[in-house]
Amino acid sequence: MDTSHLAEHAGTVGAVFASVFVIATTTMRTMIPLRVLGICTNLVLIGTAIPTRNYLIIVVQALVLVLNSYRLHQMLQLVRDVKKSVNSDLSMEWLKPFMTERKCAAGEVLFYKDEKAEDMLYIVSGRFKLVESGIELPVGAIVGELGMLSPSNMRTQTLECVEAGTILSVSYTKVEELYVQNPAFGFYFLRLASARLFENIDKLEQRLAQQTAASAAPKPA
């Protein structure tokens, strides 16, 4: 088979494979399988473009291959990080790449009680306080992650900046997007949110028990 026939045959094979992959992508609903299929498509198109010396296709598909590989790695890493967090310290460090930084000044109110919640916040530095309960949140704390699961999506307390600092915020829309793209992420996120909810309930029960014990203690004559 001469070079021209080889190139023509390679082009035909590439077109057939590309068509099969395109049809397959329409049946997939989650992002990880789509990325894997996209990588396969890139490799096939690069392989079939080499005999025809179609350098434009080679370059374009190589660039898309790098992008697909990076996004696949990012999503798999996200799932691993969420799973690790659920089994360890309930940290939300894994959400940082998807969050937006914001500087806060002392006395600034980040949100008020009973207003609609649209995002969750991660405290990087500074001092922040939940006004109604008087609880001061430490660096590394997350505020508002349970609001996304609430039917009303309303804030239950007011958050005020006591000392200038930095927070990271991520919208519920972005979290929902990650959830839809990868069911595994959604499953582990729900487990994490549930674990935090039970942790909060446990703290409230301990505080109630302490207050009950204090009120029941005999007062000095």
C-alpha atoms as a PDB file:
ATOM      1  CA  MET A   1       0.000   0.000   0.000  1.00  0.00           C
ATOM      2  CA  ASP A   2       1.529   3.350  -1.077  1.00  0.00           C
ATOM      3  CA  THR A   3       1.700   6.456   1.111  1.00  0.00           C
ATOM      4  CA  SER A   4      -1.389   8.136  -0.363  1.00  0.00           C
ATOM      5  CA  HIS A   5      -3.554   5.041   0.145  1.00  0.00           C
ATOM      6  CA  LEU A   6      -2.194   4.635   3.681  1.00  0.00           C
ATOM      7  CA  ALA A   7      -3.024   8.224   4.487  1.00  0.00           C
ATOM      8  CA  GLU A   8      -6.513   7.856   3.000  1.00  0.00           C
ATOM      9  CA  HIS A   9      -7.116   4.644   4.966  1.00  0.00           C
ATOM     10  CA  ALA A  10      -5.899   6.282   8.184  1.00  0.00           C
ATOM     11  CA  GLY A  11      -8.185   9.233   7.594  1.00  0.00           C
ATOM     12  CA  THR A  12     -11.183   6.955   7.072  1.00  0.00           C
ATOM     13  CA  VAL A  13     -10.422   4.931  10.193  1.00  0.00           C
ATOM     14  CA  GLY A  14      -9.986   8.138  12.203  1.00  0.00           C
ATOM     15  CA  ALA A  15     -13.298   9.511  10.988  1.00  0.00           C
ATOM     16  CA  VAL A  16     -15.099   6.281  11.908  1.00  0.00           C
ATOM     17  CA  PHE A  17     -13.570   6.159  15.397  1.00  0.00           C
ATOM     18  CA  ALA A  18     -14.241   9.853  15.974  1.00  0.00           C
ATOM     19  CA  SER A  19     -17.883   9.376  14.970  1.00  0.00           C
ATOM     20  CA  VAL A  20     -18.243   6.427  17.359  1.00  0.00           C
ATOM     21  CA  PHE A  21     -16.744   8.440  20.213  1.00  0.00           C
ATOM     22  CA  VAL A  22     -18.988  11.439  19.502  1.00  0.00           C
ATOM     23  CA  ILE A  23     -22.074   9.200  19.565  1.00  0.00           C
ATOM     24  CA  ALA A  24     -20.869   7.597  22.811  1.00  0.00           C
ATOM     25  CA  THR A  25     -20.510  10.984  24.520  1.00  0.00           C
ATOM     26  CA  THR A  26     -24.221  11.657  24.026  1.00  0.00           C
ATOM     27  CA  THR A  27     -25.065   8.650  26.246  1.00  0.00           C
ATOM     28  CA  MET A  28     -22.925   9.794  29.192  1.00  0.00           C
ATOM     29  CA  ARG A  29     -24.235  12.065  31.932  1.00  0.00           C
ATOM     30  CA  THR A  30     -21.221  12.503  34.218  1.00  0.00           C
ATOM     31  CA  MET A  31     -17.944  14.300  33.633  1.00  0.00           C
ATOM     32  CA  ILE A  32     -15.295  11.668  34.443  1.00  0.00           C
ATOM     33  CA  PRO A  33     -16.408   9.171  31.758  1.00  0.00           C
ATOM     34  CA  LEU A  34     -16.724  12.074  29.307  1.00  0.00           C
ATOM     35  CA  ARG A  35     -13.148  13.172  30.015  1.00  0.00           C
ATOM     36  CA  VAL A  36     -11.868   9.606  29.583  1.00  0.00           C
ATOM     37  CA  LEU A  37     -13.709   9.266  26.281  1.00  0.00           C
ATOM     38  CA  GLY A  38     -12.429  12.670  25.207  1.00  0.00           C
ATOM     39  CA  ILE A  39      -8.843  11.559  25.863  1.00  0.00           C
ATOM     40  CA  CYS A  40      -9.416   8.423  23.764  1.00  0.00           C
ATOM     41  CA  THR A  41     -10.826  10.564  20.956  1.00  0.00           C
ATOM     42  CA  ASN A  42      -7.806  12.895  21.085  1.00  0.00           C
ATOM     43  CA  LEU A  43      -5.374   9.967  20.881  1.00  0.00           C
ATOM     44  CA  VAL A  44      -7.211   8.386  17.927  1.00  0.00           C
ATOM     45  CA  LEU A  45      -7.350  11.659  15.987  1.00  0.00           C
ATOM     46  CA  ILE A  46      -3.657  12.324  16.635  1.00  0.00           C
ATOM     47  CA  GLY A  47      -2.788   8.786  15.528  1.00  0.00           C
ATOM     48  CA  THR A  48      -4.745   9.051  12.296  1.00  0.00           C
ATOM     49  CA  ALA A  49      -3.426  12.549  11.525  1.00  0.00           C
ATOM     50  CA  ILE A  50       0.226  11.478  11.680  1.00  0.00           C
ATOM     51  CA  PRO A  51       0.236   9.482   8.380  1.00  0.00           C
ATOM     52  CA  THR A  52      -1.467  12.385   6.580  1.00  0.00           C
ATOM     53  CA  ARG A  53       0.931  14.882   8.209  1.00  0.00           C
ATOM     54  CA  ASN A  54      -1.983  17.059   9.194  1.00  0.00           C
ATOM     55  CA  TYR A  55      -0.029  19.091  11.712  1.00  0.00           C
ATOM     56  CA  LEU A  56      -2.937  21.400  12.532  1.00  0.00           C
ATOM     57  CA  ILE A  57      -5.065  18.517  13.807  1.00  0.00           C
ATOM     58  CA  ILE A  58      -2.089  17.068  15.675  1.00  0.00           C
ATOM     59  CA  VAL A  59      -1.378  20.332  17.473  1.00  0.00           C
ATOM     60  CA  VAL A  60      -5.029  21.093  18.271  1.00  0.00           C
ATOM     61  CA  GLN A  61      -5.762  17.577  19.527  1.00  0.00           C
ATOM     62  CA  ALA A  62      -2.555  17.538  21.566  1.00  0.00           C
ATOM     63  CA  LEU A  63      -3.616  20.744  23.313  1.00  0.00           C
ATOM     64  CA  VAL A  64      -7.131  19.389  23.972  1.00  0.00           C
ATOM     65  CA  LEU A  65      -5.561  16.141  25.218  1.00  0.00           C
ATOM     66  CA  VAL A  66      -3.536  18.068  27.798  1.00  0.00           C
ATOM     67  CA  LEU A  67      -6.657  19.975  28.906  1.00  0.00           C
ATOM     68  CA  ASN A  68      -8.774  16.819  29.178  1.00  0.00           C
ATOM     69  CA  SER A  69      -6.036  15.057  31.141  1.00  0.00           C
ATOM     70  CA  TYR A  70      -5.682  17.984  33.551  1.00  0.00           C
ATOM     71  CA  ARG A  71      -9.432  18.252  34.138  1.00  0.00           C
ATOM     72  CA  LEU A  72      -9.690  14.494  34.685  1.00  0.00           C
ATOM     73  CA  HIS A  73      -6.845  14.624  37.212  1.00  0.00           C
ATOM     74  CA  GLN A  74      -8.481  17.601  38.961  1.00  0.00           C
ATOM     75  CA  MET A  75     -11.832  15.845  39.297  1.00  0.00           C
ATOM     76  CA  LEU A  76     -10.316  12.555  40.511  1.00  0.00           C
ATOM     77  CA  GLN A  77      -8.195  14.474  43.025  1.00  0.00           C
ATOM     78  CA  LEU A  78     -11.291  16.305  44.248  1.00  0.00           C
ATOM     79  CA  VAL A  79     -13.089  13.029  44.927  1.00  0.00           C
ATOM     80  CA  ARG A  80     -10.034  11.630  46.749  1.00  0.00           C
ATOM     81  CA  ASP A  81      -9.700  14.776  48.872  1.00  0.00           C
ATOM     82  CA  VAL A  82     -13.378  14.804  49.835  1.00  0.00           C
ATOM     83  CA  LYS A  83     -13.259  11.115  50.745  1.00  0.00           C
ATOM     84  CA  LYS A  84     -10.132  11.690  52.849  1.00  0.00           C
ATOM     85  CA  SER A  85     -11.743  14.662  54.579  1.00  0.00           C
ATOM     86  CA  VAL A  86     -14.849  12.659  55.477  1.00  0.00           C
ATOM     87  CA  ASN A  87     -12.660  10.029  57.129  1.00  0.00           C
ATOM     88  CA  SER A  88     -10.410  12.485  58.988  1.00  0.00           C
ATOM     89  CA  ASP A  89     -10.868  16.057  60.221  1.00  0.00           C
ATOM     90  CA  LEU A  90     -13.906  17.283  58.231  1.00  0.00           C
ATOM     91  CA  SER A  91     -11.691  19.907  56.549  1.00  0.00           C
ATOM     92  CA  MET A  92     -12.813  21.593  53.332  1.00  0.00           C
ATOM     93  CA  GLU A  93      -9.350  22.376  51.977  1.00  0.00           C
ATOM     94  CA  TRP A  94     -10.292  20.498  48.808  1.00  0.00           C
ATOM     95  CA  LEU A  95     -12.745  23.246  47.817  1.00  0.00           C
ATOM     96  CA  LYS A  96     -10.070  25.973  47.746  1.00  0.00           C
ATOM     97  CA  PRO A  97      -9.364  25.730  43.972  1.00  0.00           C
ATOM     98  CA  PHE A  98     -13.028  26.551  43.305  1.00  0.00           C
ATOM     99  CA  MET A  99     -13.303  29.451  45.783  1.00  0.00           C
ATOM    100  CA  THR A 100     -12.971  33.242  45.454  1.00  0.00           C
ATOM    101  CA  GLU A 101     -10.840  35.276  47.867  1.00  0.00           C
ATOM    102  CA  ARG A 102     -12.315  38.234  49.741  1.00  0.00           C
ATOM    103  CA  LYS A 103     -10.747  40.708  52.199  1.00  0.00           C
ATOM    104  CA  CYS A 104     -12.844  41.737  55.207  1.00  0.00           C
ATOM    105  CA  ALA A 105     -12.489  44.764  57.504  1.00  0.00           C
ATOM    106  CA  ALA A 106     -13.178  44.825  61.243  1.00  0.00           C
ATOM    107  CA  GLY A 107     -16.854  45.552  61.916  1.00  0.00           C
ATOM    108  CA  GLU A 108     -17.991  44.365  58.487  1.00  0.00           C
ATOM    109  CA  VAL A 109     -21.068  42.127  58.446  1.00  0.00           C
ATOM    110  CA  LEU A 110     -20.722  39.324  55.927  1.00  0.00           C
ATOM    111  CA  PHE A 111     -24.337  38.234  56.109  1.00  0.00           C
ATOM    112  CA  TYR A 112     -27.392  38.761  58.317  1.00  0.00           C
ATOM    113  CA  LYS A 113     -29.721  36.327  60.011  1.00  0.00           C
ATOM    114  CA  ASP A 114     -32.786  35.322  57.927  1.00  0.00           C
ATOM    115  CA  GLU A 115     -31.322  36.548  54.623  1.00  0.00           C
ATOM    116  CA  LYS A 116     -31.103  34.121  51.718  1.00  0.00           C
ATOM    117  CA  ALA A 117     -27.924  32.017  51.677  1.00  0.00           C
ATOM    118  CA  GLU A 118     -26.138  31.673  48.335  1.00  0.00           C
ATOM    119  CA  ASP A 119     -22.612  30.624  49.285  1.00  0.00           C
ATOM    120  CA  MET A 120     -20.419  29.069  51.935  1.00  0.00           C
ATOM    121  CA  LEU A 121     -17.331  30.709  53.429  1.00  0.00           C
ATOM    122  CA  TYR A 122     -13.908  29.411  54.464  1.00  0.00           C
ATOM    123  CA  ILE A 123     -11.969  31.490  57.031  1.00  0.00           C
ATOM    124  CA  VAL A 124      -8.311  31.950  56.041  1.00  0.00           C
ATOM    125  CA  SER A 125      -7.253  34.615  58.560  1.00  0.00           C
ATOM    126  CA  GLY A 126      -8.682  37.166  60.984  1.00  0.00           C
ATOM    127  CA  ARG A 127     -11.446  36.795  63.593  1.00  0.00           C
ATOM    128  CA  PHE A 128     -15.119  36.262  62.835  1.00  0.00           C
ATOM    129  CA  LYS A 129     -18.097  35.896  65.176  1.00  0.00           C
ATOM    130  CA  LEU A 130     -21.636  34.557  64.936  1.00  0.00           C
ATOM    131  CA  VAL A 131     -23.485  37.456  66.547  1.00  0.00           C
ATOM    132  CA  GLU A 132     -26.586  35.744  67.984  1.00  0.00           C
ATOM    133  CA  SER A 133     -24.711  32.882  69.658  1.00  0.00           C
ATOM    134  CA  GLY A 134     -21.524  34.829  70.381  1.00  0.00           C
ATOM    135  CA  ILE A 135     -19.412  31.987  68.984  1.00  0.00           C
ATOM    136  CA  GLU A 136     -16.059  33.054  67.532  1.00  0.00           C
ATOM    137  CA  LEU A 137     -15.006  30.977  64.541  1.00  0.00           C
ATOM    138  CA  PRO A 138     -11.385  29.801  64.263  1.00  0.00           C
ATOM    139  CA  VAL A 139      -9.175  30.001  61.190  1.00  0.00           C
ATOM    140  CA  GLY A 140     -10.013  27.060  58.940  1.00  0.00           C
ATOM    141  CA  ALA A 141     -13.706  27.053  59.846  1.00  0.00           C
ATOM    142  CA  ILE A 142     -16.434  26.748  57.221  1.00  0.00           C
ATOM    143  CA  VAL A 143     -19.665  28.722  57.532  1.00  0.00           C
ATOM    144  CA  GLY A 144     -22.848  28.111  55.563  1.00  0.00           C
ATOM    145  CA  GLU A 145     -22.266  24.643  54.125  1.00  0.00           C
ATOM    146  CA  LEU A 146     -25.516  23.384  55.620  1.00  0.00           C
ATOM    147  CA  GLY A 147     -27.549  26.223  54.130  1.00  0.00           C
ATOM    148  CA  MET A 148     -27.391  24.548  50.721  1.00  0.00           C
ATOM    149  CA  LEU A 149     -29.212  21.525  52.121  1.00  0.00           C
ATOM    150  CA  SER A 150     -31.833  23.580  53.942  1.00  0.00           C
ATOM    151  CA  PRO A 151     -35.242  23.830  52.187  1.00  0.00           C
ATOM    152  CA  SER A 152     -35.423  27.569  52.847  1.00  0.00           C
ATOM    153  CA  ASN A 153     -31.726  28.376  52.208  1.00  0.00           C
ATOM    154  CA  MET A 154     -31.914  31.049  54.924  1.00  0.00           C
ATOM    155  CA  ARG A 155     -29.093  32.194  57.198  1.00  0.00           C
ATOM    156  CA  THR A 156     -29.663  31.174  60.812  1.00  0.00           C
ATOM    157  CA  GLN A 157     -27.225  33.718  62.326  1.00  0.00           C
ATOM    158  CA  THR A 158     -25.406  36.954  61.528  1.00  0.00           C
ATOM    159  CA  LEU A 159     -21.673  36.736  60.764  1.00  0.00           C
ATOM    160  CA  GLU A 160     -19.472  39.695  61.681  1.00  0.00           C
ATOM    161  CA  CYS A 161     -15.772  40.325  61.127  1.00  0.00           C
ATOM    162  CA  VAL A 162     -14.183  41.174  64.508  1.00  0.00           C
ATOM    163  CA  GLU A 163     -10.604  41.530  63.276  1.00  0.00           C
ATOM    164  CA  ALA A 164      -9.579  42.195  59.646  1.00  0.00           C
ATOM    165  CA  GLY A 165      -8.909  39.019  57.720  1.00  0.00           C
ATOM    166  CA  THR A 166      -9.431  36.992  54.563  1.00  0.00           C
ATOM    167  CA  ILE A 167     -12.115  34.521  53.596  1.00  0.00           C
ATOM    168  CA  LEU A 168     -12.715  32.286  50.593  1.00  0.00           C
ATOM    169  CA  SER A 169     -16.230  31.873  49.254  1.00  0.00           C
ATOM    170  CA  VAL A 170     -17.812  29.333  46.935  1.00  0.00           C
ATOM    171  CA  SER A 171     -21.337  29.626  45.585  1.00  0.00           C
ATOM    172  CA  TYR A 172     -23.924  26.911  46.044  1.00  0.00           C
ATOM    173  CA  THR A 173     -24.250  26.941  42.252  1.00  0.00           C
ATOM    174  CA  LYS A 174     -20.606  25.867  41.900  1.00  0.00           C
ATOM    175  CA  VAL A 175     -21.006  23.105  44.472  1.00  0.00           C
ATOM    176  CA  GLU A 176     -24.139  21.891  42.697  1.00  0.00           C
ATOM    177  CA  GLU A 177     -22.229  21.942  39.400  1.00  0.00           C
ATOM    178  CA  LEU A 178     -19.503  19.732  40.898  1.00  0.00           C
ATOM    179  CA  TYR A 179     -22.214  17.490  42.331  1.00  0.00           C
ATOM    180  CA  VAL A 180     -23.871  17.029  38.927  1.00  0.00           C
ATOM    181  CA  GLN A 181     -20.573  16.469  37.121  1.00  0.00           C
ATOM    182  CA  ASN A 182     -19.481  13.759  39.514  1.00  0.00           C
ATOM    183  CA  PRO A 183     -21.931  11.729  41.627  1.00  0.00           C
ATOM    184  CA  ALA A 184     -19.043  10.395  43.742  1.00  0.00           C
ATOM    185  CA  PHE A 185     -18.223  13.964  44.808  1.00  0.00           C
ATOM    186  CA  GLY A 186     -21.879  14.572  45.614  1.00  0.00           C
ATOM    187  CA  PHE A 187     -22.081  11.429  47.724  1.00  0.00           C
ATOM    188  CA  TYR A 188     -19.008  12.298  49.786  1.00  0.00           C
ATOM    189  CA  PHE A 189     -20.095  15.927  50.129  1.00  0.00           C
ATOM    190  CA  LEU A 190     -23.424  14.811  51.589  1.00  0.00           C
ATOM    191  CA  ARG A 191     -21.591  12.524  54.000  1.00  0.00           C
ATOM    192  CA  LEU A 192     -19.345  15.409  55.013  1.00  0.00           C
ATOM    193  CA  ALA A 193     -22.263  17.794  55.528  1.00  0.00           C
ATOM    194  CA  SER A 194     -24.109  15.146  57.563  1.00  0.00           C
ATOM    195  CA  ALA A 195     -21.025  14.536  59.713  1.00  0.00           C
ATOM    196  CA  ARG A 196     -20.732  18.287  60.390  1.00  0.00           C
ATOM    197  CA  LEU A 197     -24.436  18.459  61.269  1.00  0.00           C
ATOM    198  CA  PHE A 198     -24.091  15.662  63.826  1.00  0.00           C
ATOM    199  CA  GLU A 199     -20.943  17.316  65.161  1.00  0.00           C
ATOM    200  CA  ASN A 200     -22.875  20.570  65.697  1.00  0.00           C
ATOM    201  CA  ILE A 201     -25.738  18.706  67.383  1.00  0.00           C
ATOM    202  CA  ASP A 202     -23.255  17.001  69.716  1.00  0.00           C
ATOM    203  CA  LYS A 203     -21.743  20.379  70.693  1.00  0.00           C
ATOM    204  CA  LEU A 204     -25.201  21.812  71.392  1.00  0.00           C
ATOM    205  CA  GLU A 205     -26.093  18.809  73.558  1.00  0.00           C
ATOM    206  CA  GLN A 206     -22.865  19.210  75.524  1.00  0.00           C
ATOM    207  CA  ARG A 207     -23.525  22.922  76.074  1.00  0.00           C
ATOM    208  CA  LEU A 208     -27.112  22.217  77.142  1.00  0.00           C
ATOM    209  CA  ALA A 209     -25.892  19.569  79.586  1.00  0.00           C
ATOM    210  CA  GLN A 210     -23.387  22.025  81.065  1.00  0.00           C
ATOM    211  CA  GLN A 211     -26.057  24.709  81.462  1.00  0.00           C
ATOM    212  CA  THR A 212     -28.454  22.193  83.058  1.00  0.00           C
ATOM    213  CA  ALA A 213     -25.761  21.038  85.475  1.00  0.00           C
ATOM    214  CA  ALA A 214     -24.874  24.613  86.368  1.00  0.00           C
ATOM    215  CA  SER A 215     -28.501  25.555  87.059  1.00  0.00           C
ATOM    216  CA  ALA A 216     -29.033  22.417  89.134  1.00  0.00           C
ATOM    217  CA  ALA A 217     -25.947  22.991  91.289  1.00  0.00           C
ATOM    218  CA  PRO A 218     -26.793  24.184  94.837  1.00  0.00           C
ATOM    219  CA  LYS A 219     -26.268  27.889  95.339  1.00  0.00           C
ATOM    220  CA  PRO A 220     -24.084  29.051  98.231  1.00  0.00           C
ATOM    221  CA  ALA A 221     -26.014  30.290 101.215  1.00  0.00           C
END
